[in-house]
């Protein structure tokens, strides 16, 4: 084996190692993004459940204030049926697009926030 063959073999080995390292980096980035998405979805579902049970004020307190997630909870009448309220929960992470969840709830169950 000559010195030139050894250098070429090391270059091929190095390039293949760089390819594997890039796959590992992409995998860890995707896993971190999935964790963030799961947290946003869980926060939105939790606030939606609290609001659907009838307490919009309690739903606003479901998500701790010290997290990096912005939240908006809106309850408005649903036009096609006067006895139904549409609850909209929007969670906005520090990075990424807002996540919105909607649910229709009977109006008698809803208790609006006090001004």
N, C-alpha and C. Protein backbone atom coordinates (compact mmCIF):
# COMPACT_ATOMS: atom_id res chain seq x y z
N UNK A 1 0.86 -1.17 0.00
CA UNK A 1 0.00 0.00 0.00
C UNK A 1 0.91 1.24 0.00
N UNK A 2 0.62 2.14 -0.89
CA UNK A 2 1.44 3.34 -0.99
C UNK A 2 0.85 4.43 -0.12
N UNK A 3 1.60 5.50 0.03
CA UNK A 3 1.15 6.64 0.83
C UNK A 3 -0.07 7.29 0.19
N UNK A 4 -0.12 7.35 -1.13
CA UNK A 4 -1.25 7.94 -1.83
C UNK A 4 -2.53 7.13 -1.59
N UNK A 5 -2.44 5.82 -1.60
CA UNK A 5 -3.62 4.99 -1.33
C UNK A 5 -4.11 5.18 0.10
N UNK A 6 -3.19 5.32 1.03
CA UNK A 6 -3.56 5.52 2.43
C UNK A 6 -4.26 6.86 2.62
N UNK A 7 -3.77 7.90 1.96
CA UNK A 7 -4.39 9.22 2.05
C UNK A 7 -5.80 9.19 1.44
N UNK A 8 -5.96 8.55 0.30
CA UNK A 8 -7.27 8.44 -0.34
C UNK A 8 -8.22 7.64 0.55
N UNK A 9 -7.74 6.58 1.16
CA UNK A 9 -8.59 5.79 2.05
C UNK A 9 -9.02 6.61 3.26
N UNK A 10 -8.14 7.40 3.83
CA UNK A 10 -8.50 8.25 4.96
C UNK A 10 -9.50 9.34 4.55
N UNK A 11 -9.35 9.86 3.34
CA UNK A 11 -10.32 10.86 2.86
C UNK A 11 -11.71 10.25 2.70
N UNK A 12 -11.77 9.05 2.13
CA UNK A 12 -13.06 8.38 1.97
C UNK A 12 -13.68 8.09 3.33
N UNK A 13 -12.87 7.62 4.27
CA UNK A 13 -13.36 7.33 5.62
C UNK A 13 -13.84 8.62 6.30
N UNK A 14 -13.10 9.72 6.14
CA UNK A 14 -13.48 10.99 6.74
C UNK A 14 -14.77 11.54 6.16
N UNK A 15 -14.94 11.44 4.85
CA UNK A 15 -16.17 11.92 4.22
C UNK A 15 -17.38 11.10 4.64
N UNK A 16 -17.21 9.81 4.78
CA UNK A 16 -18.34 8.98 5.24
C UNK A 16 -18.67 9.28 6.69
N UNK A 17 -17.66 9.58 7.52
CA UNK A 17 -17.92 9.94 8.92
C UNK A 17 -18.67 11.26 9.00
N UNK A 18 -18.32 12.22 8.16
CA UNK A 18 -19.03 13.50 8.14
C UNK A 18 -20.49 13.29 7.76
N UNK A 19 -20.75 12.39 6.81
CA UNK A 19 -22.13 12.09 6.43
C UNK A 19 -22.93 11.52 7.58
N UNK A 20 -22.32 10.59 8.34
CA UNK A 20 -23.01 10.02 9.49
C UNK A 20 -23.25 11.06 10.57
N UNK A 21 -22.28 11.93 10.80
CA UNK A 21 -22.45 12.97 11.82
C UNK A 21 -23.58 13.93 11.44
N UNK A 22 -23.73 14.21 10.16
CA UNK A 22 -24.82 15.07 9.72
C UNK A 22 -26.17 14.41 9.95
N UNK A 23 -26.25 13.11 9.76
CA UNK A 23 -27.49 12.37 10.03
C UNK A 23 -27.83 12.45 11.51
N UNK A 24 -26.84 12.29 12.38
CA UNK A 24 -27.08 12.37 13.83
C UNK A 24 -27.51 13.78 14.24
N UNK A 25 -26.91 14.81 13.64
CA UNK A 25 -27.29 16.18 13.95
C UNK A 25 -28.73 16.44 13.53
N UNK A 26 -29.09 16.01 12.34
CA UNK A 26 -30.46 16.20 11.87
C UNK A 26 -31.46 15.46 12.75
N UNK A 27 -31.09 14.26 13.20
CA UNK A 27 -31.97 13.50 14.08
C UNK A 27 -32.18 14.17 15.42
N UNK A 28 -31.11 14.72 16.00
CA UNK A 28 -31.26 15.39 17.29
C UNK A 28 -32.05 16.69 17.16
N UNK A 29 -31.89 17.40 16.04
CA UNK A 29 -32.67 18.62 15.81
C UNK A 29 -34.15 18.29 15.67
N UNK A 30 -34.46 17.23 14.96
CA UNK A 30 -35.85 16.81 14.78
C UNK A 30 -36.46 16.36 16.11
N UNK A 31 -35.69 15.66 16.91
CA UNK A 31 -36.19 15.22 18.22
C UNK A 31 -36.48 16.41 19.13
N UNK A 32 -35.60 17.40 19.12
CA UNK A 32 -35.82 18.59 19.94
C UNK A 32 -37.05 19.36 19.47
N UNK A 33 -37.24 19.45 18.18
CA UNK A 33 -38.42 20.13 17.63
C UNK A 33 -39.69 19.37 18.00
N UNK A 34 -39.63 18.04 18.00
CA UNK A 34 -40.80 17.23 18.36
C UNK A 34 -41.18 17.44 19.82
N UNK A 35 -40.19 17.56 20.69
CA UNK A 35 -40.47 17.81 22.11
C UNK A 35 -41.17 19.16 22.27
N UNK A 36 -40.67 20.18 21.59
CA UNK A 36 -41.31 21.50 21.65
C UNK A 36 -42.73 21.49 21.13
N UNK A 37 -42.95 20.78 20.04
CA UNK A 37 -44.29 20.69 19.47
C UNK A 37 -45.23 19.95 20.42
N UNK A 38 -44.75 18.90 21.05
CA UNK A 38 -45.57 18.14 22.01
C UNK A 38 -45.96 19.01 23.20
N UNK A 39 -45.05 19.86 23.66
CA UNK A 39 -45.37 20.76 24.77
C UNK A 39 -46.43 21.78 24.37
N UNK A 40 -46.33 22.31 23.16
CA UNK A 40 -47.31 23.29 22.68
C UNK A 40 -48.69 22.65 22.55
N UNK A 41 -48.73 21.46 21.98
CA UNK A 41 -50.01 20.76 21.80
C UNK A 41 -50.62 20.41 23.16
N UNK A 42 -49.81 19.95 24.10
CA UNK A 42 -50.32 19.61 25.43
C UNK A 42 -50.87 20.84 26.15
N UNK A 43 -50.17 21.97 26.04
CA UNK A 43 -50.64 23.21 26.67
C UNK A 43 -51.95 23.67 26.05
N UNK A 44 -52.06 23.58 24.74
CA UNK A 44 -53.29 24.00 24.06
C UNK A 44 -54.45 23.10 24.43
N UNK A 45 -54.23 21.80 24.43
CA UNK A 45 -55.31 20.87 24.78
C UNK A 45 -55.76 21.05 26.23
N UNK A 46 -54.81 21.27 27.14
CA UNK A 46 -55.14 21.46 28.54
C UNK A 46 -55.99 22.73 28.75
N UNK A 47 -55.58 23.81 28.12
CA UNK A 47 -56.35 25.05 28.23
C UNK A 47 -57.71 24.91 27.58
N UNK A 48 -57.79 24.18 26.48
CA UNK A 48 -59.07 23.97 25.79
C UNK A 48 -60.01 23.15 26.66
N UNK A 49 -59.50 22.13 27.31
CA UNK A 49 -60.35 21.32 28.19
C UNK A 49 -60.88 22.14 29.35
N UNK A 50 -60.02 22.97 29.95
CA UNK A 50 -60.48 23.81 31.06
C UNK A 50 -61.53 24.80 30.59
N UNK A 51 -61.33 25.38 29.41
CA UNK A 51 -62.31 26.34 28.88
C UNK A 51 -63.61 25.63 28.49
N UNK A 52 -63.50 24.41 27.97
CA UNK A 52 -64.69 23.66 27.57
C UNK A 52 -65.51 23.24 28.78
N UNK A 53 -64.86 23.07 29.92
CA UNK A 53 -65.60 22.72 31.13
C UNK A 53 -66.34 23.90 31.71
N UNK A 54 -66.11 25.08 31.15
CA UNK A 54 -66.93 26.21 31.54
C UNK A 54 -66.22 27.36 32.20
N UNK A 55 -64.91 27.31 32.36
CA UNK A 55 -64.23 28.38 33.06
C UNK A 55 -63.09 28.92 32.21
N UNK A 56 -63.34 30.01 31.51
CA UNK A 56 -62.32 30.62 30.66
C UNK A 56 -61.21 31.21 31.51
N UNK A 57 -61.55 31.74 32.67
CA UNK A 57 -60.54 32.32 33.56
C UNK A 57 -59.57 31.25 34.02
N UNK A 58 -60.10 30.09 34.44
CA UNK A 58 -59.25 28.99 34.87
C UNK A 58 -58.40 28.50 33.71
N UNK A 59 -58.93 28.49 32.52
CA UNK A 59 -58.19 28.04 31.35
C UNK A 59 -57.00 28.93 31.08
N UNK A 60 -57.11 30.22 31.37
CA UNK A 60 -55.99 31.12 31.17
C UNK A 60 -54.89 30.89 32.20
N UNK A 61 -55.22 30.28 33.32
CA UNK A 61 -54.24 30.02 34.36
C UNK A 61 -53.63 28.63 34.25
N UNK A 62 -54.08 27.81 33.29
CA UNK A 62 -53.57 26.45 33.15
C UNK A 62 -52.09 26.46 32.80
N UNK A 63 -51.70 27.33 31.91
CA UNK A 63 -50.31 27.41 31.47
C UNK A 63 -49.57 28.35 32.40
N UNK A 64 -48.48 27.89 33.03
CA UNK A 64 -47.73 28.78 33.94
C UNK A 64 -47.22 30.02 33.21
N UNK A 65 -47.19 31.14 33.91
CA UNK A 65 -46.80 32.40 33.29
C UNK A 65 -45.31 32.47 32.98
N UNK A 66 -44.49 31.62 33.59
CA UNK A 66 -43.04 31.71 33.38
C UNK A 66 -42.56 30.92 32.16
N UNK A 67 -43.46 30.27 31.42
CA UNK A 67 -43.03 29.55 30.23
C UNK A 67 -42.86 30.51 29.07
N UNK A 68 -42.20 30.04 28.03
CA UNK A 68 -41.95 30.86 26.86
C UNK A 68 -43.08 30.77 25.85
N UNK A 69 -44.22 30.27 26.26
CA UNK A 69 -45.35 30.11 25.35
C UNK A 69 -46.36 31.23 25.59
N UNK A 70 -46.70 31.94 24.52
CA UNK A 70 -47.77 32.92 24.61
C UNK A 70 -49.11 32.22 24.42
N UNK A 71 -50.14 32.70 25.09
CA UNK A 71 -51.43 32.02 24.98
C UNK A 71 -52.55 33.04 24.85
N UNK A 72 -53.54 32.67 24.07
CA UNK A 72 -54.73 33.48 23.90
C UNK A 72 -55.93 32.54 23.93
N UNK A 73 -56.91 32.86 24.76
CA UNK A 73 -58.13 32.05 24.84
C UNK A 73 -59.31 32.97 24.54
N UNK A 74 -60.10 32.57 23.57
CA UNK A 74 -61.23 33.38 23.14
C UNK A 74 -62.48 32.51 23.13
N UNK A 75 -63.55 33.04 23.68
CA UNK A 75 -64.86 32.37 23.63
C UNK A 75 -65.83 33.33 22.97
N UNK A 76 -66.43 32.89 21.86
CA UNK A 76 -67.36 33.75 21.14
C UNK A 76 -68.56 32.94 20.68
N UNK A 77 -69.71 33.60 20.51
CA UNK A 77 -70.90 32.89 20.06
C UNK A 77 -70.68 32.30 18.67
N UNK A 78 -71.25 31.13 18.48
CA UNK A 78 -71.17 30.48 17.17
C UNK A 78 -72.43 30.83 16.41
N UNK A 79 -72.27 31.41 15.25
CA UNK A 79 -73.38 31.98 14.49
C UNK A 79 -74.49 30.97 14.12
N UNK A 80 -74.19 29.78 13.60
CA UNK A 80 -75.28 28.90 13.17
C UNK A 80 -76.23 28.46 14.28
N UNK A 81 -75.74 28.33 15.51
CA UNK A 81 -76.59 27.91 16.63
C UNK A 81 -76.43 28.89 17.78
N UNK A 82 -77.49 29.48 18.25
CA UNK A 82 -77.36 30.47 19.33
C UNK A 82 -76.98 29.87 20.68
N UNK A 83 -77.15 28.58 20.87
CA UNK A 83 -76.84 27.98 22.17
C UNK A 83 -75.43 27.39 22.22
N UNK A 84 -74.62 27.67 21.22
CA UNK A 84 -73.28 27.09 21.14
C UNK A 84 -72.24 28.21 21.15
N UNK A 85 -71.15 27.97 21.88
CA UNK A 85 -70.03 28.90 21.95
C UNK A 85 -68.81 28.24 21.34
N UNK A 86 -68.06 29.01 20.56
CA UNK A 86 -66.82 28.50 19.99
C UNK A 86 -65.66 28.95 20.88
N UNK A 87 -64.87 27.99 21.36
CA UNK A 87 -63.70 28.28 22.18
C UNK A 87 -62.47 28.10 21.30
N UNK A 88 -61.63 29.14 21.26
CA UNK A 88 -60.42 29.11 20.44
C UNK A 88 -59.23 29.35 21.35
N UNK A 89 -58.30 28.40 21.38
CA UNK A 89 -57.08 28.51 22.16
C UNK A 89 -55.91 28.60 21.18
N UNK A 90 -55.11 29.65 21.32
CA UNK A 90 -53.94 29.83 20.46
C UNK A 90 -52.71 29.87 21.35
N UNK A 91 -51.76 28.97 21.09
CA UNK A 91 -50.49 28.92 21.81
C UNK A 91 -49.41 29.32 20.81
N UNK A 92 -48.59 30.30 21.21
CA UNK A 92 -47.52 30.78 20.34
C UNK A 92 -46.18 30.53 21.01
N UNK A 93 -45.39 29.61 20.48
CA UNK A 93 -44.06 29.38 21.05
C UNK A 93 -43.11 30.51 20.70
N UNK A 94 -41.99 30.55 21.41
CA UNK A 94 -40.99 31.59 21.16
C UNK A 94 -40.50 31.52 19.71
N UNK A 95 -40.30 30.32 19.23
CA UNK A 95 -39.91 30.13 17.83
C UNK A 95 -40.94 29.22 17.17
N UNK A 96 -41.32 29.54 15.99
CA UNK A 96 -42.28 28.70 15.28
C UNK A 96 -43.62 29.38 15.10
N UNK A 97 -44.49 28.69 14.41
CA UNK A 97 -45.81 29.21 14.09
C UNK A 97 -46.78 28.98 15.24
N UNK A 98 -47.80 29.82 15.38
CA UNK A 98 -48.81 29.61 16.41
C UNK A 98 -49.60 28.33 16.17
N UNK A 99 -50.05 27.71 17.26
CA UNK A 99 -50.86 26.50 17.20
C UNK A 99 -52.23 26.84 17.74
N UNK A 100 -53.27 26.57 16.95
CA UNK A 100 -54.64 26.95 17.32
C UNK A 100 -55.52 25.71 17.41
N UNK A 101 -56.31 25.66 18.48
CA UNK A 101 -57.27 24.57 18.69
C UNK A 101 -58.63 25.20 18.90
N UNK A 102 -59.65 24.62 18.25
CA UNK A 102 -61.02 25.14 18.36
C UNK A 102 -61.95 24.03 18.84
N UNK A 103 -62.97 24.44 19.59
CA UNK A 103 -63.99 23.48 20.04
C UNK A 103 -65.31 24.22 20.21
N UNK A 104 -66.39 23.52 19.89
CA UNK A 104 -67.73 24.05 20.10
C UNK A 104 -68.27 23.50 21.41
N UNK A 105 -68.85 24.39 22.24
CA UNK A 105 -69.33 24.03 23.57
C UNK A 105 -70.71 24.63 23.75
N UNK A 106 -71.55 23.95 24.51
CA UNK A 106 -72.86 24.53 24.83
C UNK A 106 -72.67 25.80 25.64
N UNK A 107 -73.44 26.81 25.31
CA UNK A 107 -73.25 28.11 25.94
C UNK A 107 -73.58 28.10 27.42
N UNK A 108 -74.51 27.27 27.87
CA UNK A 108 -74.86 27.24 29.27
C UNK A 108 -73.67 26.82 30.14
N UNK A 109 -72.76 26.04 29.57
CA UNK A 109 -71.62 25.56 30.34
C UNK A 109 -70.52 26.60 30.46
N UNK A 110 -70.53 27.63 29.61
CA UNK A 110 -69.47 28.61 29.59
C UNK A 110 -69.69 29.68 30.66
N UNK A 111 -68.59 30.08 31.29
CA UNK A 111 -68.64 31.17 32.23
C UNK A 111 -67.59 32.19 31.77
N UNK A 112 -68.04 33.35 31.33
CA UNK A 112 -67.13 34.34 30.76
C UNK A 112 -66.28 34.96 31.85
N UNK A 113 -65.09 35.48 31.49
CA UNK A 113 -64.25 36.14 32.48
C UNK A 113 -64.89 37.43 32.99
N UNK A 114 -64.65 37.73 34.26
CA UNK A 114 -65.20 38.93 34.87
C UNK A 114 -64.31 40.12 34.51
N UNK A 115 -64.90 41.25 34.09
CA UNK A 115 -64.08 42.43 33.74
C UNK A 115 -63.46 43.08 34.93
